[in-house]
Protein backbone atom coordinates (compact mmCIF):
# COMPACT_ATOMS: atom_id res chain seq x y z
CA UNK A 1 13.46 -10.95 135.31
CA UNK A 2 16.73 -9.23 134.32
CA UNK A 3 17.49 -5.77 135.55
CA UNK A 4 18.10 -2.91 133.13
CA UNK A 5 21.72 -2.71 134.28
CA UNK A 6 22.19 -6.38 133.40
CA UNK A 7 21.19 -5.66 129.81
CA UNK A 8 24.06 -3.17 129.51
CA UNK A 9 26.65 -5.47 131.05
CA UNK A 10 28.86 -5.41 127.95
CA UNK A 11 28.89 -1.62 127.91
CA UNK A 12 29.66 -1.49 131.63
CA UNK A 13 32.58 -3.88 131.19
CA UNK A 14 33.90 -1.84 128.27
CA UNK A 15 33.67 1.40 130.26
CA UNK A 16 35.34 -0.24 133.26
CA UNK A 17 38.29 -1.07 131.03
CA UNK A 18 38.50 2.42 129.56
CA UNK A 19 38.38 4.96 132.40
CA UNK A 20 39.55 7.79 130.14
CA UNK A 21 36.25 7.60 128.24
CA UNK A 22 34.35 8.07 131.51
CA UNK A 23 36.75 10.87 132.48
CA UNK A 24 36.22 12.62 129.15
CA UNK A 25 32.45 12.46 129.52
CA UNK A 26 32.61 13.86 133.03
CA UNK A 27 34.99 16.60 131.88
CA UNK A 28 32.60 17.66 129.10
CA UNK A 29 29.70 17.86 131.54
CA UNK A 30 31.85 19.77 134.04
CA UNK A 31 33.01 22.27 131.43
CA UNK A 32 29.44 22.88 130.27
CA UNK A 33 28.34 23.55 133.85
CA UNK A 34 31.30 25.85 134.47
CA UNK A 35 30.51 27.73 131.27
CA UNK A 36 26.93 28.22 132.40
CA UNK A 37 28.12 29.45 135.80
CA UNK A 38 30.56 31.93 134.28
CA UNK A 39 27.87 33.27 131.96
CA UNK A 40 25.59 33.82 134.97
CA UNK A 41 28.26 35.72 136.87
CA UNK A 42 29.12 37.87 133.84
CA UNK A 43 25.59 38.68 132.66
CA UNK A 44 23.66 38.44 135.92
CA UNK A 45 20.98 36.33 134.22
CA UNK A 46 20.43 32.59 134.24
CA UNK A 47 18.46 31.01 131.43
CA UNK A 48 15.79 28.49 132.32
CA UNK A 49 14.13 25.77 130.33
CA UNK A 50 10.66 27.11 131.04
CA UNK A 51 9.47 30.52 132.07
CA UNK A 52 11.38 33.77 132.44
CA UNK A 53 15.11 33.98 132.96
CA UNK A 54 16.35 34.24 136.52
CA UNK A 55 17.85 37.55 137.59
CA UNK A 56 19.57 38.97 140.64
CA UNK A 57 20.01 36.74 143.66
CA UNK A 58 18.19 33.81 142.09
CA UNK A 59 20.55 33.87 139.11
CA UNK A 60 23.60 34.01 141.36
CA UNK A 61 22.29 31.09 143.41
CA UNK A 62 21.78 29.06 140.24
CA UNK A 63 25.28 30.05 139.12
CA UNK A 64 26.72 28.81 142.40
CA UNK A 65 24.90 25.48 141.99
CA UNK A 66 26.23 25.09 138.45
CA UNK A 67 29.71 26.07 139.63
CA UNK A 68 29.73 23.53 142.46
CA UNK A 69 28.51 20.66 140.30
CA UNK A 70 30.87 21.65 137.49
CA UNK A 71 33.83 21.54 139.85
CA UNK A 72 32.64 18.19 141.22
CA UNK A 73 32.33 16.76 137.71
CA UNK A 74 35.81 17.98 136.78
CA UNK A 75 37.17 16.57 140.03
CA UNK A 76 35.63 13.21 139.21
CA UNK A 77 37.11 13.39 135.70
CA UNK A 78 40.59 13.99 137.11
CA UNK A 79 40.12 11.18 139.63
CA UNK A 80 39.01 8.73 136.94
CA UNK A 81 41.86 9.75 134.65
CA UNK A 82 44.50 9.36 137.36
CA UNK A 83 43.18 6.47 139.45
CA UNK A 84 41.55 4.58 136.62
């Protein structure tokens, strides 16, 4: 029984040969997360998928989480672009 990853072997090989595509995807995700974090710190509110928006300390905590993961994603993008 083949694994799901085996079915995408051609895509994985293509992405392995083109690290800038992976870096660009990671950079887009990182910039989106950083944008969300900045909006939280400016407005003091964090939007949620369900329920009421977060405010106060909860919003700042969510902003910090988005900021950390955004920086990590951008760091990975730089690493992939430089190291290949």
